[in-house]
Amino acid sequence: LAKGQEVLVQVVREPSEAKGAALTTYISLAGRSVVLMPGRDQNGVSRKIEDEQERQRLKKIAEELSLPEGCGVILRTAAEGRNKKDIARDLNHVVRLWEDVRKRGREMEAPCLIYKEQDLALRTIRDHFNPDVNEILIDNPEIYEQAREYMKVISPRHQKLVKLHKEKRPIFSKYQIEEQTETIFSNTVRLKSGGAIVINPTEALVSIDVNS
């Protein structure tokens, strides 16, 4: 390092009252099933994947992936059970993001913010978007613009799938989203057979009653 040299760093911990932000030159960019690690020429598989046969399969896929020079990759738990084509597609999205970060780094004057980790809406797109999705409906104009910019980077041809909900009727009411989320907290799970499972947590135990 030399005085005045520009360095690309990533914030790994936000500043607090007593300490400043923690920074690292080890950049990592997460996709749905991969984490791209520029500057670290190594491949790996998430430790949370415990099945040894699956780990070996994923390690082989990681070794066969086409990576930018000087970059490594870690396959996340979401990669479990996915084929090479799906993982490679996700990697391509993250590589495009890294290229965009590098481009901005060259064009902007330091110190400056080049890239910010996505908020909940963009992380949802990152983790759940796939070619089978035919519409991404957003009711907030600001988040809508952010989502379009994000899709422009990771998958330009799918940018048109991002649409702004303009109806007066709230999006949650139109698609009965509130009713669906309420079922998550219900203690009764209805079964297709007509029966039900009733789950009641108590201080000492959780009782599970199966009604046929």
Protein backbone atom coordinates (compact mmCIF):
# COMPACT_ATOMS: atom_id res chain seq x y z
CA LEU A 1 0.00 0.00 0.00
CA ALA A 2 1.09 3.56 -0.70
CA LYS A 3 -0.15 6.89 0.58
CA GLY A 4 -2.98 8.18 -1.63
CA GLN A 5 -3.62 4.77 -3.21
CA GLU A 6 -7.30 3.98 -3.81
CA VAL A 7 -8.43 0.68 -2.30
CA LEU A 8 -11.74 -1.12 -2.80
CA VAL A 9 -13.07 -2.23 0.59
CA GLN A 10 -16.23 -3.78 1.97
CA VAL A 11 -17.92 -2.87 5.24
CA VAL A 12 -18.37 -6.00 7.35
CA ARG A 13 -19.63 -4.26 10.49
CA GLU A 14 -21.43 -0.96 10.84
CA PRO A 15 -19.93 1.72 13.12
CA SER A 16 -21.11 1.99 16.72
CA GLU A 17 -20.79 4.75 19.33
CA ALA A 18 -17.46 3.38 20.54
CA LYS A 19 -15.98 1.92 17.36
CA GLY A 20 -15.76 2.81 13.72
CA ALA A 21 -16.86 0.56 10.88
CA ALA A 22 -14.90 -2.65 10.29
CA LEU A 23 -13.57 -2.88 6.74
CA THR A 24 -11.97 -5.63 4.67
CA THR A 25 -10.27 -5.85 1.29
CA TYR A 26 -11.63 -9.40 0.96
CA ILE A 27 -14.71 -8.64 -1.14
CA SER A 28 -17.59 -11.14 -1.30
CA LEU A 29 -20.79 -10.83 -3.32
CA ALA A 30 -23.66 -13.19 -2.57
CA GLY A 31 -26.10 -14.60 -5.07
CA ARG A 32 -28.89 -17.06 -4.48
CA SER A 33 -26.69 -20.18 -4.49
CA VAL A 34 -23.14 -18.82 -4.80
CA VAL A 35 -20.82 -16.34 -3.11
CA LEU A 36 -18.25 -14.80 -5.46
CA MET A 37 -14.92 -13.92 -3.82
CA PRO A 38 -12.77 -11.64 -6.00
CA GLY A 39 -9.09 -11.84 -5.09
CA ARG A 40 -9.35 -15.29 -3.52
CA ASP A 41 -8.64 -18.09 -5.92
CA GLN A 42 -10.35 -20.90 -4.02
CA ASN A 43 -13.56 -22.90 -4.27
CA GLY A 44 -15.66 -24.40 -1.51
CA VAL A 45 -19.03 -25.64 -0.30
CA SER A 46 -21.05 -24.35 2.65
CA ARG A 47 -20.39 -26.26 5.87
CA LYS A 48 -24.14 -26.37 6.47
CA ILE A 49 -24.39 -28.97 3.69
CA GLU A 50 -23.52 -32.09 5.68
CA ASP A 51 -24.26 -34.93 3.23
CA GLU A 52 -20.82 -35.99 2.02
CA GLN A 53 -22.04 -37.30 -1.33
CA GLU A 54 -23.79 -34.00 -2.06
CA ARG A 55 -20.70 -32.06 -0.94
CA GLN A 56 -18.52 -33.98 -3.38
CA ARG A 57 -21.03 -33.40 -6.20
CA LEU A 58 -21.08 -29.67 -5.51
CA LYS A 59 -17.29 -29.48 -5.18
CA LYS A 60 -17.00 -30.98 -8.65
CA ILE A 61 -19.47 -28.43 -10.01
CA ALA A 62 -17.53 -25.60 -8.33
CA GLU A 63 -14.32 -26.76 -10.01
CA GLU A 64 -16.02 -26.81 -13.42
CA LEU A 65 -17.57 -23.33 -13.19
CA SER A 66 -16.21 -20.62 -15.47
CA LEU A 67 -14.89 -17.95 -13.09
CA PRO A 68 -13.26 -14.58 -13.77
CA GLU A 69 -9.48 -14.66 -13.32
CA GLY A 70 -8.45 -14.36 -9.69
CA CYS A 71 -11.91 -15.11 -8.30
CA GLY A 72 -13.09 -17.93 -6.08
CA VAL A 73 -16.56 -19.20 -5.26
CA ILE A 74 -18.41 -20.81 -2.38
CA LEU A 75 -21.64 -22.71 -3.03
CA ARG A 76 -24.30 -21.74 -0.47
CA THR A 77 -26.82 -24.07 1.15
CA ALA A 78 -29.36 -23.02 -1.51
CA ALA A 79 -27.17 -24.83 -4.07
CA GLU A 80 -28.03 -28.18 -2.49
CA GLY A 81 -29.88 -30.34 -5.02
CA ARG A 82 -29.48 -27.82 -7.86
CA ASN A 83 -27.83 -28.76 -11.14
CA LYS A 84 -24.79 -27.18 -12.75
CA LYS A 85 -26.85 -25.15 -15.23
CA ASP A 86 -28.85 -23.43 -12.47
CA ILE A 87 -25.75 -22.71 -10.40
CA ALA A 88 -23.86 -21.37 -13.44
CA ARG A 89 -26.79 -19.06 -14.27
CA ASP A 90 -26.74 -17.66 -10.74
CA LEU A 91 -22.97 -17.23 -10.92
CA ASN A 92 -23.32 -15.26 -14.16
CA HIS A 93 -25.67 -12.83 -12.38
CA VAL A 94 -23.13 -12.24 -9.59
CA VAL A 95 -20.24 -11.89 -12.05
CA ARG A 96 -22.16 -9.16 -13.88
CA LEU A 97 -22.69 -7.45 -10.54
CA TRP A 98 -18.94 -7.64 -9.79
CA GLU A 99 -18.12 -6.21 -13.21
CA ASP A 100 -20.51 -3.33 -12.51
CA VAL A 101 -18.82 -2.72 -9.13
CA ARG A 102 -15.38 -2.66 -10.78
CA LYS A 103 -16.61 -0.28 -13.47
CA ARG A 104 -18.03 2.13 -10.92
CA GLY A 105 -14.83 1.89 -8.89
CA ARG A 106 -12.80 3.06 -11.87
CA GLU A 107 -15.19 5.88 -12.77
CA MET A 108 -15.95 7.34 -9.33
CA GLU A 109 -13.65 9.41 -7.15
CA ALA A 110 -12.75 8.02 -3.72
CA PRO A 111 -13.99 8.02 -1.05
CA CYS A 112 -17.44 7.02 -2.28
CA LEU A 113 -20.13 4.36 -1.95
CA ILE A 114 -19.96 2.06 -4.96
CA TYR A 115 -22.37 -0.70 -4.00
CA LYS A 116 -24.79 -1.29 -1.14
CA GLU A 117 -26.17 -4.64 -0.05
CA GLN A 118 -29.75 -5.02 -1.19
CA ASP A 119 -32.70 -4.33 1.06
CA LEU A 120 -35.33 -6.98 1.74
CA ALA A 121 -37.11 -6.49 -1.59
CA LEU A 122 -33.95 -6.92 -3.68
CA ARG A 123 -32.70 -9.83 -1.57
CA THR A 124 -36.04 -11.52 -2.21
CA ILE A 125 -35.52 -11.11 -5.96
CA ARG A 126 -31.93 -12.35 -5.61
CA ASP A 127 -32.91 -15.48 -3.68
CA HIS A 128 -36.12 -16.42 -5.49
CA PHE A 129 -35.96 -15.13 -9.06
CA ASN A 130 -35.67 -17.77 -11.78
CA PRO A 131 -36.70 -18.04 -15.46
CA ASP A 132 -40.08 -19.47 -14.42
CA VAL A 133 -41.10 -16.13 -12.85
CA ASN A 134 -43.35 -14.19 -15.27
CA GLU A 135 -44.01 -11.05 -13.18
CA ILE A 136 -42.47 -9.08 -10.31
CA LEU A 137 -45.14 -6.73 -8.98
CA ILE A 138 -44.08 -3.85 -6.71
CA ASP A 139 -46.32 -1.18 -5.17
CA ASN A 140 -43.58 1.25 -4.08
CA PRO A 141 -42.22 3.56 -6.84
CA GLU A 142 -38.80 3.92 -5.21
CA ILE A 143 -38.30 0.17 -4.72
CA TYR A 144 -39.69 -0.38 -8.23
CA GLU A 145 -36.88 1.75 -9.70
CA GLN A 146 -34.29 -0.02 -7.54
CA ALA A 147 -35.58 -3.42 -8.67
CA ARG A 148 -35.42 -2.40 -12.34
CA GLU A 149 -31.82 -1.23 -11.92
CA TYR A 150 -30.93 -4.46 -10.12
CA MET A 151 -32.51 -6.61 -12.83
CA LYS A 152 -30.69 -4.52 -15.45
CA VAL A 153 -27.43 -5.68 -13.90
CA ILE A 154 -28.15 -9.34 -13.15
CA SER A 155 -30.51 -10.20 -16.02
CA PRO A 156 -31.20 -7.37 -18.49
CA ARG A 157 -33.62 -9.36 -20.66
CA HIS A 158 -35.90 -9.91 -17.64
CA GLN A 159 -36.05 -6.25 -16.63
CA LYS A 160 -39.46 -5.89 -18.27
CA LEU A 161 -40.90 -8.40 -15.77
CA VAL A 162 -40.63 -5.77 -13.03
CA LYS A 163 -43.95 -3.90 -12.96
CA LEU A 164 -45.39 -1.12 -10.80
CA HIS A 165 -48.73 -1.83 -9.10
CA LYS A 166 -50.86 1.29 -9.78
CA GLU A 167 -54.34 0.14 -8.77
CA LYS A 168 -56.14 1.82 -5.86
CA ARG A 169 -56.83 -1.56 -4.35
CA PRO A 170 -53.80 -2.50 -2.18
CA ILE A 171 -51.66 -5.30 -3.57
CA PHE A 172 -52.07 -7.33 -0.34
CA SER A 173 -55.86 -7.20 -0.65
CA LYS A 174 -55.93 -8.05 -4.34
CA TYR A 175 -53.91 -11.24 -3.90
CA GLN A 176 -55.17 -12.17 -0.40
CA ILE A 177 -51.61 -12.03 0.95
CA GLU A 178 -52.66 -11.15 4.50
CA GLU A 179 -54.94 -14.18 4.66
CA GLN A 180 -52.09 -16.38 3.48
CA THR A 181 -49.60 -15.01 6.01
CA GLU A 182 -52.11 -15.46 8.83
CA THR A 183 -52.11 -19.20 8.19
CA ILE A 184 -48.41 -19.26 9.15
CA PHE A 185 -49.33 -18.38 12.75
CA SER A 186 -52.38 -20.62 12.94
CA ASN A 187 -52.09 -23.59 15.31
CA THR A 188 -54.12 -25.73 12.88
CA VAL A 189 -52.70 -27.15 9.67
CA ARG A 190 -55.37 -28.40 7.28
CA LEU A 191 -54.46 -31.54 5.31
CA LYS A 192 -55.57 -32.38 1.78
CA SER A 193 -57.12 -35.58 3.08
CA GLY A 194 -59.58 -33.58 5.16
CA GLY A 195 -57.84 -34.07 8.48
CA ALA A 196 -55.79 -31.58 10.45
CA ILE A 197 -52.72 -31.26 12.64
CA VAL A 198 -53.15 -29.08 15.73
CA ILE A 199 -49.97 -27.74 17.30
CA ASN A 200 -50.17 -26.17 20.77
CA PRO A 201 -46.98 -24.95 22.47
CA THR A 202 -47.02 -24.86 26.28
CA GLU A 203 -44.42 -23.90 28.87
CA ALA A 204 -43.26 -27.50 29.33
CA LEU A 205 -43.82 -29.06 25.92
CA VAL A 206 -45.34 -28.76 22.47
CA SER A 207 -48.39 -30.94 21.94
CA ILE A 208 -49.21 -32.16 18.44
CA ASP A 209 -52.66 -33.60 17.88
CA VAL A 210 -53.41 -35.39 14.61
CA ASN A 211 -57.14 -35.30 13.75
CA SER A 212 -58.11 -37.80 11.04
